[in-house]
Amino acid sequence: MEPLKTTESDEQISLFRWAQIASSVKPELKLMFHVPNEGKRTRYSGGKLIAEGLKPGVPDVCLPVPNKKYHGLFIEMKVGKNKPTENQIFWLDNLAKQGYCTAVAYGWVEAKTIIENYLKDR
């Protein structure tokens, strides 16, 4: 029997469930949000979203909370053997150049660890 495959969406849901619980101790986690940049759309709705400012490759998760070194944190979520796309690498690199902490996390547990370490430096 094959093991169940988790999706990026499943991992993000788990991450945000953890953040909701952990926000009782670290209230800044209430500011964390998902950037819904992915997904299949019709040509019309995709074109409308691009006209509204949708940018391919923007990282999945944003924590707009500064620490001692950075303006905020952006995380690109991945699962399995998936790798960041060229657009995602562009955003991660350029956000880092602007003073943001950026990371790629493989699963919610890795993302949680990145966030916890980031918040330790406040």
PDB file of N, CA and C in Angstrom:
ATOM      1  N   MET A   1       0.834  -1.184   0.000  1.00  0.00           N
ATOM      2  CA  MET A   1       0.000   0.000   0.000  1.00  0.00           C
ATOM      3  C   MET A   1       0.882   1.251   0.000  1.00  0.00           C
ATOM      4  N   GLU A   2       0.595   2.176  -0.906  1.00  0.00           N
ATOM      5  CA  GLU A   2       1.360   3.428  -1.007  1.00  0.00           C
ATOM      6  C   GLU A   2       1.015   4.367   0.131  1.00  0.00           C
ATOM      7  N   PRO A   3       2.026   5.087   0.665  1.00  0.00           N
ATOM      8  CA  PRO A   3       1.713   6.079   1.701  1.00  0.00           C
ATOM      9  C   PRO A   3       0.909   7.238   1.106  1.00  0.00           C
ATOM     10  N   LEU A   4       0.090   7.847   1.940  1.00  0.00           N
ATOM     11  CA  LEU A   4      -0.693   8.992   1.483  1.00  0.00           C
ATOM     12  C   LEU A   4       0.229  10.136   1.109  1.00  0.00           C
ATOM     13  N   LYS A   5      -0.090  10.795   0.005  1.00  0.00           N
ATOM     14  CA  LYS A   5       0.717  11.933  -0.423  1.00  0.00           C
ATOM     15  C   LYS A   5       0.099  13.208   0.133  1.00  0.00           C
ATOM     16  N   THR A   6       0.929  14.006   0.753  1.00  0.00           N
ATOM     17  CA  THR A   6       0.462  15.280   1.275  1.00  0.00           C
ATOM     18  C   THR A   6       0.634  16.337   0.189  1.00  0.00           C
ATOM     19  N   THR A   7      -0.197  17.342   0.218  1.00  0.00           N
ATOM     20  CA  THR A   7      -0.097  18.417  -0.759  1.00  0.00           C
ATOM     21  C   THR A   7       0.435  19.668  -0.078  1.00  0.00           C
ATOM     22  N   GLU A   8       0.854  20.610  -0.887  1.00  0.00           N
ATOM     23  CA  GLU A   8       1.303  21.903  -0.352  1.00  0.00           C
ATOM     24  C   GLU A   8       0.158  22.569   0.420  1.00  0.00           C
ATOM     25  N   SER A   9      -1.035  22.447  -0.091  1.00  0.00           N
ATOM     26  CA  SER A   9      -2.204  23.010   0.587  1.00  0.00           C
ATOM     27  C   SER A   9      -2.393  22.384   1.968  1.00  0.00           C
ATOM     28  N   ASP A  10      -2.270  21.051   2.066  1.00  0.00           N
ATOM     29  CA  ASP A  10      -2.378  20.373   3.357  1.00  0.00           C
ATOM     30  C   ASP A  10      -1.347  20.910   4.347  1.00  0.00           C
ATOM     31  N   GLU A  11      -0.123  21.079   3.871  1.00  0.00           N
ATOM     32  CA  GLU A  11       0.963  21.558   4.734  1.00  0.00           C
ATOM     33  C   GLU A  11       0.696  22.992   5.210  1.00  0.00           C
ATOM     34  N   GLN A  12       0.189  23.831   4.313  1.00  0.00           N
ATOM     35  CA  GLN A  12      -0.122  25.209   4.706  1.00  0.00           C
ATOM     36  C   GLN A  12      -1.261  25.253   5.716  1.00  0.00           C
ATOM     37  N   ILE A  13      -2.259  24.422   5.523  1.00  0.00           N
ATOM     38  CA  ILE A  13      -3.368  24.363   6.481  1.00  0.00           C
ATOM     39  C   ILE A  13      -2.833  23.971   7.855  1.00  0.00           C
ATOM     40  N   SER A  14      -1.963  22.977   7.899  1.00  0.00           N
ATOM     41  CA  SER A  14      -1.363  22.566   9.175  1.00  0.00           C
ATOM     42  C   SER A  14      -0.549  23.689   9.797  1.00  0.00           C
ATOM     43  N   LEU A  15       0.201  24.416   8.977  1.00  0.00           N
ATOM     44  CA  LEU A  15       1.002  25.534   9.479  1.00  0.00           C
ATOM     45  C   LEU A  15       0.108  26.606  10.095  1.00  0.00           C
ATOM     46  N   PHE A  16      -0.966  26.951   9.427  1.00  0.00           N
ATOM     47  CA  PHE A  16      -1.849  27.999   9.943  1.00  0.00           C
ATOM     48  C   PHE A  16      -2.664  27.528  11.145  1.00  0.00           C
ATOM     49  N   ARG A  17      -2.939  26.244  11.234  1.00  0.00           N
ATOM     50  CA  ARG A  17      -3.582  25.708  12.449  1.00  0.00           C
ATOM     51  C   ARG A  17      -2.632  25.830  13.634  1.00  0.00           C
ATOM     52  N   TRP A  18      -1.359  25.463  13.417  1.00  0.00           N
ATOM     53  CA  TRP A  18      -0.353  25.623  14.470  1.00  0.00           C
ATOM     54  C   TRP A  18      -0.253  27.095  14.885  1.00  0.00           C
ATOM     55  N   ALA A  19      -0.174  27.994  13.893  1.00  0.00           N
ATOM     56  CA  ALA A  19      -0.018  29.429  14.185  1.00  0.00           C
ATOM     57  C   ALA A  19      -1.197  29.956  14.993  1.00  0.00           C
ATOM     58  N   GLN A  20      -2.392  29.489  14.687  1.00  0.00           N
ATOM     59  CA  GLN A  20      -3.575  29.929  15.431  1.00  0.00           C
ATOM     60  C   GLN A  20      -3.455  29.533  16.905  1.00  0.00           C
ATOM     61  N   ILE A  21      -3.024  28.318  17.157  1.00  0.00           N
ATOM     62  CA  ILE A  21      -2.852  27.857  18.536  1.00  0.00           C
ATOM     63  C   ILE A  21      -1.690  28.597  19.203  1.00  0.00           C
ATOM     64  N   ALA A  22      -0.565  28.702  18.511  1.00  0.00           N
ATOM     65  CA  ALA A  22       0.637  29.329  19.073  1.00  0.00           C
ATOM     66  C   ALA A  22       0.480  30.834  19.273  1.00  0.00           C
ATOM     67  N   SER A  23      -0.493  31.442  18.609  1.00  0.00           N
ATOM     68  CA  SER A  23      -0.672  32.897  18.740  1.00  0.00           C
ATOM     69  C   SER A  23      -1.110  33.304  20.145  1.00  0.00           C
ATOM     70  N   SER A  24      -1.547  32.354  20.960  1.00  0.00           N
ATOM     71  CA  SER A  24      -1.869  32.694  22.351  1.00  0.00           C
ATOM     72  C   SER A  24      -0.602  33.026  23.134  1.00  0.00           C
ATOM     73  N   VAL A  25       0.531  32.507  22.690  1.00  0.00           N
ATOM     74  CA  VAL A  25       1.827  32.793  23.314  1.00  0.00           C
ATOM     75  C   VAL A  25       2.597  33.839  22.514  1.00  0.00           C
ATOM     76  N   LYS A  26       2.479  33.765  21.192  1.00  0.00           N
ATOM     77  CA  LYS A  26       3.153  34.704  20.295  1.00  0.00           C
ATOM     78  C   LYS A  26       2.094  35.396  19.438  1.00  0.00           C
ATOM     79  N   PRO A  27       1.491  36.485  19.967  1.00  0.00           N
ATOM     80  CA  PRO A  27       0.370  37.123  19.270  1.00  0.00           C
ATOM     81  C   PRO A  27       0.716  37.664  17.887  1.00  0.00           C
ATOM     82  N   GLU A  28       1.989  37.904  17.610  1.00  0.00           N
ATOM     83  CA  GLU A  28       2.371  38.398  16.279  1.00  0.00           C
ATOM     84  C   GLU A  28       2.044  37.385  15.187  1.00  0.00           C
ATOM     85  N   LEU A  29       1.873  36.118  15.538  1.00  0.00           N
ATOM     86  CA  LEU A  29       1.490  35.107  14.550  1.00  0.00           C
ATOM     87  C   LEU A  29       0.111  35.367  13.963  1.00  0.00           C
ATOM     88  N   LYS A  30      -0.707  36.160  14.632  1.00  0.00           N
ATOM     89  CA  LYS A  30      -2.026  36.517  14.096  1.00  0.00           C
ATOM     90  C   LYS A  30      -1.902  37.344  12.819  1.00  0.00           C
ATOM     91  N   LEU A  31      -0.729  37.947  12.597  1.00  0.00           N
ATOM     92  CA  LEU A  31      -0.508  38.765  11.403  1.00  0.00           C
ATOM     93  C   LEU A  31      -0.053  37.944  10.197  1.00  0.00           C
ATOM     94  N   MET A  32       0.301  36.690  10.407  1.00  0.00           N
ATOM     95  CA  MET A  32       0.781  35.846   9.313  1.00  0.00           C
ATOM     96  C   MET A  32      -0.362  35.573   8.339  1.00  0.00           C
ATOM     97  N   PHE A  33      -0.048  35.598   7.045  1.00  0.00           N
ATOM     98  CA  PHE A  33      -1.074  35.322   6.042  1.00  0.00           C
ATOM     99  C   PHE A  33      -0.503  34.586   4.847  1.00  0.00           C
ATOM    100  N   HIS A  34      -1.400  33.988   4.080  1.00  0.00           N
ATOM    101  CA  HIS A  34      -1.077  33.264   2.849  1.00  0.00           C
ATOM    102  C   HIS A  34      -1.332  34.175   1.659  1.00  0.00           C
ATOM    103  N   VAL A  35      -0.422  34.136   0.694  1.00  0.00           N
ATOM    104  CA  VAL A  35      -0.587  34.892  -0.546  1.00  0.00           C
ATOM    105  C   VAL A  35      -1.116  33.912  -1.599  1.00  0.00           C
ATOM    106  N   PRO A  36      -2.387  34.032  -1.990  1.00  0.00           N
ATOM    107  CA  PRO A  36      -2.985  33.055  -2.920  1.00  0.00           C
ATOM    108  C   PRO A  36      -2.599  33.327  -4.373  1.00  0.00           C
ATOM    109  N   ASN A  37      -1.367  33.002  -4.701  1.00  0.00           N
ATOM    110  CA  ASN A  37      -0.850  33.273  -6.037  1.00  0.00           C
ATOM    111  C   ASN A  37      -0.953  32.084  -6.975  1.00  0.00           C
ATOM    112  N   GLU A  38      -1.212  30.909  -6.432  1.00  0.00           N
ATOM    113  CA  GLU A  38      -1.220  29.710  -7.253  1.00  0.00           C
ATOM    114  C   GLU A  38      -2.651  29.340  -7.631  1.00  0.00           C
ATOM    115  N   GLY A  39      -2.753  28.296  -8.387  1.00  0.00           N
ATOM    116  CA  GLY A  39      -4.083  27.790  -8.712  1.00  0.00           C
ATOM    117  C   GLY A  39      -4.409  27.944 -10.187  1.00  0.00           C
ATOM    118  N   LYS A  40      -5.283  27.067 -10.642  1.00  0.00           N
ATOM    119  CA  LYS A  40      -5.724  27.123 -12.040  1.00  0.00           C
ATOM    120  C   LYS A  40      -6.913  28.062 -12.126  1.00  0.00           C
ATOM    121  N   ARG A  41      -6.878  28.884 -13.154  1.00  0.00           N
ATOM    122  CA  ARG A  41      -7.941  29.866 -13.349  1.00  0.00           C
ATOM    123  C   ARG A  41      -8.306  29.924 -14.820  1.00  0.00           C
ATOM    124  N   THR A  42      -9.471  30.492 -15.074  1.00  0.00           N
ATOM    125  CA  THR A  42      -9.832  30.719 -16.470  1.00  0.00           C
ATOM    126  C   THR A  42      -8.949  31.836 -17.005  1.00  0.00           C
ATOM    127  N   ARG A  43      -8.889  31.947 -18.292  1.00  0.00           N
ATOM    128  CA  ARG A  43      -8.110  33.019 -18.910  1.00  0.00           C
ATOM    129  C   ARG A  43      -8.591  34.393 -18.444  1.00  0.00           C
ATOM    130  N   TYR A  44      -9.909  34.528 -18.348  1.00  0.00           N
ATOM    131  CA  TYR A  44     -10.488  35.798 -17.932  1.00  0.00           C
ATOM    132  C   TYR A  44     -10.122  36.122 -16.489  1.00  0.00           C
ATOM    133  N   SER A  45     -10.368  35.168 -15.579  1.00  0.00           N
ATOM    134  CA  SER A  45     -10.100  35.468 -14.166  1.00  0.00           C
ATOM    135  C   SER A  45      -8.605  35.632 -13.916  1.00  0.00           C
ATOM    136  N   GLY A  46      -7.774  34.848 -14.602  1.00  0.00           N
ATOM    137  CA  GLY A  46      -6.323  35.010 -14.471  1.00  0.00           C
ATOM    138  C   GLY A  46      -5.876  36.374 -14.956  1.00  0.00           C
ATOM    139  N   GLY A  47      -6.398  36.803 -16.084  1.00  0.00           N
ATOM    140  CA  GLY A  47      -6.053  38.125 -16.622  1.00  0.00           C
ATOM    141  C   GLY A  47      -6.510  39.244 -15.700  1.00  0.00           C
ATOM    142  N   LYS A  48      -7.679  39.084 -15.121  1.00  0.00           N
ATOM    143  CA  LYS A  48      -8.191  40.092 -14.186  1.00  0.00           C
ATOM    144  C   LYS A  48      -7.308  40.170 -12.945  1.00  0.00           C
ATOM    145  N   LEU A  49      -6.916  39.010 -12.410  1.00  0.00           N
ATOM    146  CA  LEU A  49      -6.047  39.017 -11.226  1.00  0.00           C
ATOM    147  C   LEU A  49      -4.693  39.651 -11.526  1.00  0.00           C
ATOM    148  N   ILE A  50      -4.144  39.393 -12.701  1.00  0.00           N
ATOM    149  CA  ILE A  50      -2.875  40.028 -13.087  1.00  0.00           C
ATOM    150  C   ILE A  50      -3.064  41.537 -13.184  1.00  0.00           C
ATOM    151  N   ALA A  51      -4.180  41.970 -13.751  1.00  0.00           N
ATOM    152  CA  ALA A  51      -4.458  43.405 -13.829  1.00  0.00           C
ATOM    153  C   ALA A  51      -4.607  44.020 -12.436  1.00  0.00           C
ATOM    154  N   GLU A  52      -5.084  43.220 -11.483  1.00  0.00           N
ATOM    155  CA  GLU A  52      -5.242  43.693 -10.104  1.00  0.00           C
ATOM    156  C   GLU A  52      -3.932  43.651  -9.313  1.00  0.00           C
ATOM    157  N   GLY A  53      -2.868  43.079  -9.905  1.00  0.00           N
ATOM    158  CA  GLY A  53      -1.570  43.079  -9.238  1.00  0.00           C
ATOM    159  C   GLY A  53      -1.009  41.723  -8.868  1.00  0.00           C
ATOM    160  N   LEU A  54      -1.651  40.640  -9.269  1.00  0.00           N
ATOM    161  CA  LEU A  54      -1.114  39.314  -9.016  1.00  0.00           C
ATOM    162  C   LEU A  54       0.262  39.191  -9.653  1.00  0.00           C
ATOM    163  N   LYS A  55       1.221  38.665  -8.910  1.00  0.00           N
ATOM    164  CA  LYS A  55       2.585  38.499  -9.417  1.00  0.00           C
ATOM    165  C   LYS A  55       2.995  37.044  -9.268  1.00  0.00           C
ATOM    166  N   PRO A  56       3.262  36.363 -10.366  1.00  0.00           N
ATOM    167  CA  PRO A  56       3.698  34.965 -10.277  1.00  0.00           C
ATOM    168  C   PRO A  56       4.995  34.842  -9.479  1.00  0.00           C
ATOM    169  N   GLY A  57       5.030  33.857  -8.586  1.00  0.00           N
ATOM    170  CA  GLY A  57       6.247  33.573  -7.838  1.00  0.00           C
ATOM    171  C   GLY A  57       6.328  34.184  -6.456  1.00  0.00           C
ATOM    172  N   VAL A  58       5.391  35.065  -6.082  1.00  0.00           N
ATOM    173  CA  VAL A  58       5.418  35.655  -4.743  1.00  0.00           C
ATOM    174  C   VAL A  58       5.323  34.519  -3.731  1.00  0.00           C
ATOM    175  N   PRO A  59       6.150  34.531  -2.682  1.00  0.00           N
ATOM    176  CA  PRO A  59       6.131  33.438  -1.705  1.00  0.00           C
ATOM    177  C   PRO A  59       4.752  33.223  -1.080  1.00  0.00           C
ATOM    178  N   ASP A  60       4.525  32.003  -0.636  1.00  0.00           N
ATOM    179  CA  ASP A  60       3.226  31.567  -0.132  1.00  0.00           C
ATOM    180  C   ASP A  60       2.811  32.202   1.182  1.00  0.00           C
ATOM    181  N   VAL A  61       3.763  32.392   2.078  1.00  0.00           N
ATOM    182  CA  VAL A  61       3.445  32.815   3.444  1.00  0.00           C
ATOM    183  C   VAL A  61       4.230  34.078   3.786  1.00  0.00           C
ATOM    184  N   CYS A  62       3.545  35.024   4.401  1.00  0.00           N
ATOM    185  CA  CYS A  62       4.181  36.266   4.834  1.00  0.00           C
ATOM    186  C   CYS A  62       3.895  36.499   6.312  1.00  0.00           C
ATOM    187  N   LEU A  63       4.943  36.815   7.055  1.00  0.00           N
ATOM    188  CA  LEU A  63       4.810  37.253   8.440  1.00  0.00           C
ATOM    189  C   LEU A  63       5.374  38.675   8.490  1.00  0.00           C
ATOM    190  N   PRO A  64       4.497  39.692   8.431  1.00  0.00           N
ATOM    191  CA  PRO A  64       4.953  41.086   8.331  1.00  0.00           C
ATOM    192  C   PRO A  64       5.342  41.666   9.697  1.00  0.00           C
ATOM    193  N   VAL A  65       6.262  40.983  10.340  1.00  0.00           N
ATOM    194  CA  VAL A  65       6.711  41.366  11.678  1.00  0.00           C
ATOM    195  C   VAL A  65       8.229  41.495  11.636  1.00  0.00           C
ATOM    196  N   PRO A  66       8.775  42.656  11.989  1.00  0.00           N
ATOM    197  CA  PRO A  66      10.230  42.797  11.960  1.00  0.00           C
ATOM    198  C   PRO A  66      10.898  42.083  13.138  1.00  0.00           C
ATOM    199  N   ASN A  67      12.160  41.736  12.937  1.00  0.00           N
ATOM    200  CA  ASN A  67      12.982  41.292  14.056  1.00  0.00           C
ATOM    201  C   ASN A  67      14.240  42.167  14.059  1.00  0.00           C
ATOM    202  N   LYS A  68      15.270  41.772  14.754  1.00  0.00           N
ATOM    203  CA  LYS A  68      16.471  42.621  14.864  1.00  0.00           C
ATOM    204  C   LYS A  68      17.211  42.782  13.543  1.00  0.00           C
ATOM    205  N   LYS A  69      17.016  41.834  12.620  1.00  0.00           N
ATOM    206  CA  LYS A  69      17.773  41.852  11.356  1.00  0.00           C
ATOM    207  C   LYS A  69      16.933  42.155  10.122  1.00  0.00           C
ATOM    208  N   TYR A  70      15.641  41.819  10.158  1.00  0.00           N
ATOM    209  CA  TYR A  70      14.822  41.840   8.943  1.00  0.00           C
ATOM    210  C   TYR A  70      13.521  42.621   9.133  1.00  0.00           C
ATOM    211  N   HIS A  71      12.965  43.062   7.996  1.00  0.00           N
ATOM    212  CA  HIS A  71      11.680  43.776   7.996  1.00  0.00           C
ATOM    213  C   HIS A  71      10.496  42.833   8.200  1.00  0.00           C
ATOM    214  N   GLY A  72      10.641  41.577   7.806  1.00  0.00           N
ATOM    215  CA  GLY A  72       9.580  40.586   7.872  1.00  0.00           C
ATOM    216  C   GLY A  72      10.080  39.287   7.286  1.00  0.00           C
ATOM    217  N   LEU A  73       9.204  38.286   7.228  1.00  0.00           N
ATOM    218  CA  LEU A  73       9.577  36.945   6.785  1.00  0.00           C
ATOM    219  C   LEU A  73       8.651  36.475   5.671  1.00  0.00           C
ATOM    220  N   PHE A  74       9.247  35.921   4.622  1.00  0.00           N
ATOM    221  CA  PHE A  74       8.501  35.296   3.529  1.00  0.00           C
ATOM    222  C   PHE A  74       8.963  33.850   3.400  1.00  0.00           C
ATOM    223  N   ILE A  75       7.992  32.934   3.295  1.00  0.00           N
ATOM    224  CA  ILE A  75       8.308  31.512   3.146  1.00  0.00           C
ATOM    225  C   ILE A  75       7.611  30.949   1.913  1.00  0.00           C
ATOM    226  N   GLU A  76       8.377  30.268   1.091  1.00  0.00           N
ATOM    227  CA  GLU A  76       7.828  29.511  -0.035  1.00  0.00           C
ATOM    228  C   GLU A  76       7.678  28.073   0.437  1.00  0.00           C
ATOM    229  N   MET A  77       6.454  27.561   0.406  1.00  0.00           N
ATOM    230  CA  MET A  77       6.172  26.201   0.855  1.00  0.00           C
ATOM    231  C   MET A  77       6.335  25.219  -0.305  1.00  0.00           C
ATOM    232  N   LYS A  78       6.934  24.079  -0.001  1.00  0.00           N
ATOM    233  CA  LYS A  78       7.102  23.006  -0.976  1.00  0.00           C
ATOM    234  C   LYS A  78       6.828  21.676  -0.294  1.00  0.00           C
ATOM    235  N   VAL A  79       6.538  20.657  -1.100  1.00  0.00           N
ATOM    236  CA  VAL A  79       6.389  19.295  -0.604  1.00  0.00           C
ATOM    237  C   VAL A  79       7.170  18.361  -1.517  1.00  0.00           C
ATOM    238  N   GLY A  80       7.547  17.222  -0.965  1.00  0.00           N
ATOM    239  CA  GLY A  80       8.226  16.205  -1.769  1.00  0.00           C
ATOM    240  C   GLY A  80       9.507  16.718  -2.392  1.00  0.00           C
ATOM    241  N   LYS A  81       9.647  16.434  -3.683  1.00  0.00           N
ATOM    242  CA  LYS A  81      10.871  16.820  -4.407  1.00  0.00           C
ATOM    243  C   LYS A  81      10.693  18.105  -5.201  1.00  0.00           C
ATOM    244  N   ASN A  82       9.591  18.818  -4.963  1.00  0.00           N
ATOM    245  CA  ASN A  82       9.350  20.068  -5.686  1.00  0.00           C
ATOM    246  C   ASN A  82      10.448  21.075  -5.383  1.00  0.00           C
ATOM    247  N   LYS A  83      10.804  21.832  -6.370  1.00  0.00           N
ATOM    248  CA  LYS A  83      11.821  22.880  -6.238  1.00  0.00           C
ATOM    249  C   LYS A  83      11.186  24.225  -6.580  1.00  0.00           C
ATOM    250  N   PRO A  84      11.732  25.317  -6.036  1.00  0.00           N
ATOM    251  CA  PRO A  84      11.211  26.640  -6.411  1.00  0.00           C
ATOM    252  C   PRO A  84      11.368  26.901  -7.907  1.00  0.00           C
ATOM    253  N   THR A  85      10.389  27.577  -8.473  1.00  0.00           N
ATOM    254  CA  THR A  85      10.435  27.958  -9.889  1.00  0.00           C
ATOM    255  C   THR A  85      11.355  29.162 -10.063  1.00  0.00           C
ATOM    256  N   GLU A  86      11.640  29.502 -11.304  1.00  0.00           N
ATOM    257  CA  GLU A  86      12.456  30.700 -11.585  1.00  0.00           C
ATOM    258  C   GLU A  86      11.800  31.949 -11.007  1.00  0.00           C
ATOM    259  N   ASN A  87      10.475  32.081 -11.177  1.00  0.00           N
ATOM    260  CA  ASN A  87       9.768  33.242 -10.622  1.00  0.00           C
ATOM    261  C   ASN A  87       9.874  33.273  -9.105  1.00  0.00           C
ATOM    262  N   GLN A  88       9.754  32.128  -8.461  1.00  0.00           N
ATOM    263  CA  GLN A  88       9.850  32.071  -7.000  1.00  0.00           C
ATOM    264  C   GLN A  88      11.250  32.439  -6.521  1.00  0.00           C
ATOM    265  N   ILE A  89      12.265  31.952  -7.213  1.00  0.00           N
ATOM    266  CA  ILE A  89      13.645  32.303  -6.871  1.00  0.00           C
ATOM    267  C   ILE A  89      13.866  33.802  -7.051  1.00  0.00           C
ATOM    268  N   PHE A  90      13.332  34.367  -8.124  1.00  0.00           N
ATOM    269  CA  PHE A  90      13.428  35.818  -8.345  1.00  0.00           C
ATOM    270  C   PHE A  90      12.883  36.576  -7.139  1.00  0.00           C
ATOM    271  N   TRP A  91      11.674  36.199  -6.683  1.00  0.00           N
ATOM    272  CA  TRP A  91      11.048  36.896  -5.555  1.00  0.00           C
ATOM    273  C   TRP A  91      11.825  36.697  -4.269  1.00  0.00           C
ATOM    274  N   LEU A  92      12.232  35.465  -3.985  1.00  0.00           N
ATOM    275  CA  LEU A  92      12.986  35.206  -2.755  1.00  0.00           C
ATOM    276  C   LEU A  92      14.283  36.007  -2.727  1.00  0.00           C
ATOM    277  N   ASP A  93      15.011  36.005  -3.828  1.00  0.00           N
ATOM    278  CA  ASP A  93      16.281  36.748  -3.910  1.00  0.00           C
ATOM    279  C   ASP A  93      16.064  38.248  -3.769  1.00  0.00           C
ATOM    280  N   ASN A  94      15.070  38.771  -4.469  1.00  0.00           N
ATOM    281  CA  ASN A  94      14.861  40.220  -4.450  1.00  0.00           C
ATOM    282  C   ASN A  94      14.252  40.707  -3.143  1.00  0.00           C
ATOM    283  N   LEU A  95      13.407  39.917  -2.517  1.00  0.00           N
ATOM    284  CA  LEU A  95      12.898  40.288  -1.191  1.00  0.00           C
ATOM    285  C   LEU A  95      14.043  40.292  -0.176  1.00  0.00           C
ATOM    286  N   ALA A  96      14.951  39.330  -0.289  1.00  0.00           N
ATOM    287  CA  ALA A  96      16.121  39.302   0.601  1.00  0.00           C
ATOM    288  C   ALA A  96      16.971  40.553   0.404  1.00  0.00           C
ATOM    289  N   LYS A  97      17.136  40.998  -0.826  1.00  0.00           N
ATOM    290  CA  LYS A  97      17.916  42.222  -1.106  1.00  0.00           C
ATOM    291  C   LYS A  97      17.250  43.462  -0.515  1.00  0.00           C
ATOM    292  N   GLN A  98      15.942  43.395  -0.285  1.00  0.00           N
ATOM    293  CA  GLN A  98      15.212  44.529   0.289  1.00  0.00           C
ATOM    294  C   GLN A  98      15.137  44.465   1.813  1.00  0.00           C
ATOM    295  N   GLY A  99      15.810  43.489   2.412  1.00  0.00           N
ATOM    296  CA  GLY A  99      15.870  43.420   3.863  1.00  0.00           C
ATOM    297  C   GLY A  99      14.882  42.476   4.519  1.00  0.00           C
ATOM    298  N   TYR A 100      14.310  41.551   3.748  1.00  0.00           N
ATOM    299  CA  TYR A 100      13.390  40.558   4.296  1.00  0.00           C
ATOM    300  C   TYR A 100      14.111  39.227   4.449  1.00  0.00           C
ATOM    301  N   CYS A 101      13.707  38.472   5.443  1.00  0.00           N
ATOM    302  CA  CYS A 101      14.179  37.102   5.602  1.00  0.00           C
ATOM    303  C   CYS A 101      13.340  36.248   4.660  1.00  0.00           C
ATOM    304  N   THR A 102      13.982  35.395   3.884  1.00  0.00           N
ATOM    305  CA  THR A 102      13.260  34.514   2.970  1.00  0.00           C
ATOM    306  C   THR A 102      13.732  33.083   3.166  1.00  0.00           C
ATOM    307  N   ALA A 103      12.828  32.149   2.925  1.00  0.00           N
ATOM    308  CA  ALA A 103      13.170  30.739   3.096  1.00  0.00           C
ATOM    309  C   ALA A 103      12.246  29.873   2.254  1.00  0.00           C
ATOM    310  N   VAL A 104      12.722  28.675   1.965  1.00  0.00           N
ATOM    311  CA  VAL A 104      11.900  27.631   1.359  1.00  0.00           C
ATOM    312  C   VAL A 104      11.735  26.565   2.425  1.00  0.00           C
ATOM    313  N   ALA A 105      10.499  26.172   2.692  1.00  0.00           N
ATOM    314  CA  ALA A 105      10.212  25.159   3.705  1.00  0.00           C
ATOM    315  C   ALA A 105       9.553  23.951   3.058  1.00  0.00           C
ATOM    316  N   TYR A 106      10.066  22.785   3.370  1.00  0.00           N
ATOM    317  CA  TYR A 106       9.480  21.535   2.898  1.00  0.00           C
ATOM    318  C   TYR A 106       8.604  20.976   4.015  1.00  0.00           C
ATOM    319  N   GLY A 107       7.351  21.392   4.006  1.00  0.00           N
ATOM    320  CA  GLY A 107       6.389  20.939   4.997  1.00  0.00           C
ATOM    321  C   GLY A 107       6.199  21.936   6.119  1.00  0.00           C
ATOM    322  N   TRP A 108       5.090  21.757   6.852  1.00  0.00           N
ATOM    323  CA  TRP A 108       4.703  22.718   7.875  1.00  0.00           C
ATOM    324  C   TRP A 108       5.637  22.690   9.072  1.00  0.00           C
ATOM    325  N   VAL A 109       6.206  21.533   9.393  1.00  0.00           N
ATOM    326  CA  VAL A 109       7.093  21.453  10.555  1.00  0.00           C
ATOM    327  C   VAL A 109       8.355  22.274  10.305  1.00  0.00           C
ATOM    328  N   GLU A 110       8.905  22.181   9.106  1.00  0.00           N
ATOM    329  CA  GLU A 110      10.080  22.989   8.768  1.00  0.00           C
ATOM    330  C   GLU A 110       9.731  24.480   8.773  1.00  0.00           C
ATOM    331  N   ALA A 111       8.566  24.834   8.246  1.00  0.00           N
ATOM    332  CA  ALA A 111       8.132  26.239   8.252  1.00  0.00           C
ATOM    333  C   ALA A 111       7.957  26.739   9.685  1.00  0.00           C
ATOM    334  N   LYS A 112       7.381  25.932  10.543  1.00  0.00           N
ATOM    335  CA  LYS A 112       7.202  26.274  11.959  1.00  0.00           C
ATOM    336  C   LYS A 112       8.544  26.562  12.613  1.00  0.00           C
ATOM    337  N   THR A 113       9.536  25.718  12.347  1.00  0.00           N
ATOM    338  CA  THR A 113      10.879  25.908  12.907  1.00  0.00           C
ATOM    339  C   THR A 113      11.497  27.207  12.409  1.00  0.00           C
ATOM    340  N   ILE A 114      11.342  27.496  11.122  1.00  0.00           N
ATOM    341  CA  ILE A 114      11.861  28.745  10.551  1.00  0.00           C
ATOM    342  C   ILE A 114      11.218  29.943  11.250  1.00  0.00           C
ATOM    343  N   ILE A 115       9.911  29.889  11.436  1.00  0.00           N
ATOM    344  CA  ILE A 115       9.177  30.990  12.077  1.00  0.00           C
ATOM    345  C   ILE A 115       9.603  31.152  13.536  1.00  0.00           C
ATOM    346  N   GLU A 116       9.694  30.052  14.254  1.00  0.00           N
ATOM    347  CA  GLU A 116      10.112  30.125  15.657  1.00  0.00           C
ATOM    348  C   GLU A 116      11.513  30.725  15.792  1.00  0.00           C
ATOM    349  N   ASN A 117      12.426  30.296  14.939  1.00  0.00           N
ATOM    350  CA  ASN A 117      13.787  30.853  14.978  1.00  0.00           C
ATOM    351  C   ASN A 117      13.795  32.331  14.607  1.00  0.00           C
ATOM    352  N   TYR A 118      12.991  32.702  13.632  1.00  0.00           N
ATOM    353  CA  TYR A 118      12.881  34.100  13.227  1.00  0.00           C
ATOM    354  C   TYR A 118      12.372  34.950  14.394  1.00  0.00           C
ATOM    355  N   LEU A 119      11.353  34.479  15.090  1.00  0.00           N
ATOM    356  CA  LEU A 119      10.752  35.248  16.179  1.00  0.00           C
ATOM    357  C   LEU A 119      11.635  35.302  17.424  1.00  0.00           C
ATOM    358  N   LYS A 120      12.571  34.374  17.574  1.00  0.00           N
ATOM    359  CA  LYS A 120      13.507  34.423  18.705  1.00  0.00           C
ATOM    360  C   LYS A 120      14.396  35.660  18.640  1.00  0.00           C
ATOM    361  N   ASP A 121      14.580  36.174  17.446  1.00  0.00           N
ATOM    362  CA  ASP A 121      15.501  37.309  17.232  1.00  0.00           C
ATOM    363  C   ASP A 121      14.783  38.649  17.255  1.00  0.00           C
ATOM    364  N   ARG A 122      13.702  38.757  18.034  1.00  0.00           N
ATOM    365  CA  ARG A 122      12.936  40.015  18.102  1.00  0.00           C
ATOM    366  C   ARG A 122      13.417  40.910  19.178  1.00  0.00           C
TER     367      ARG A 122
END
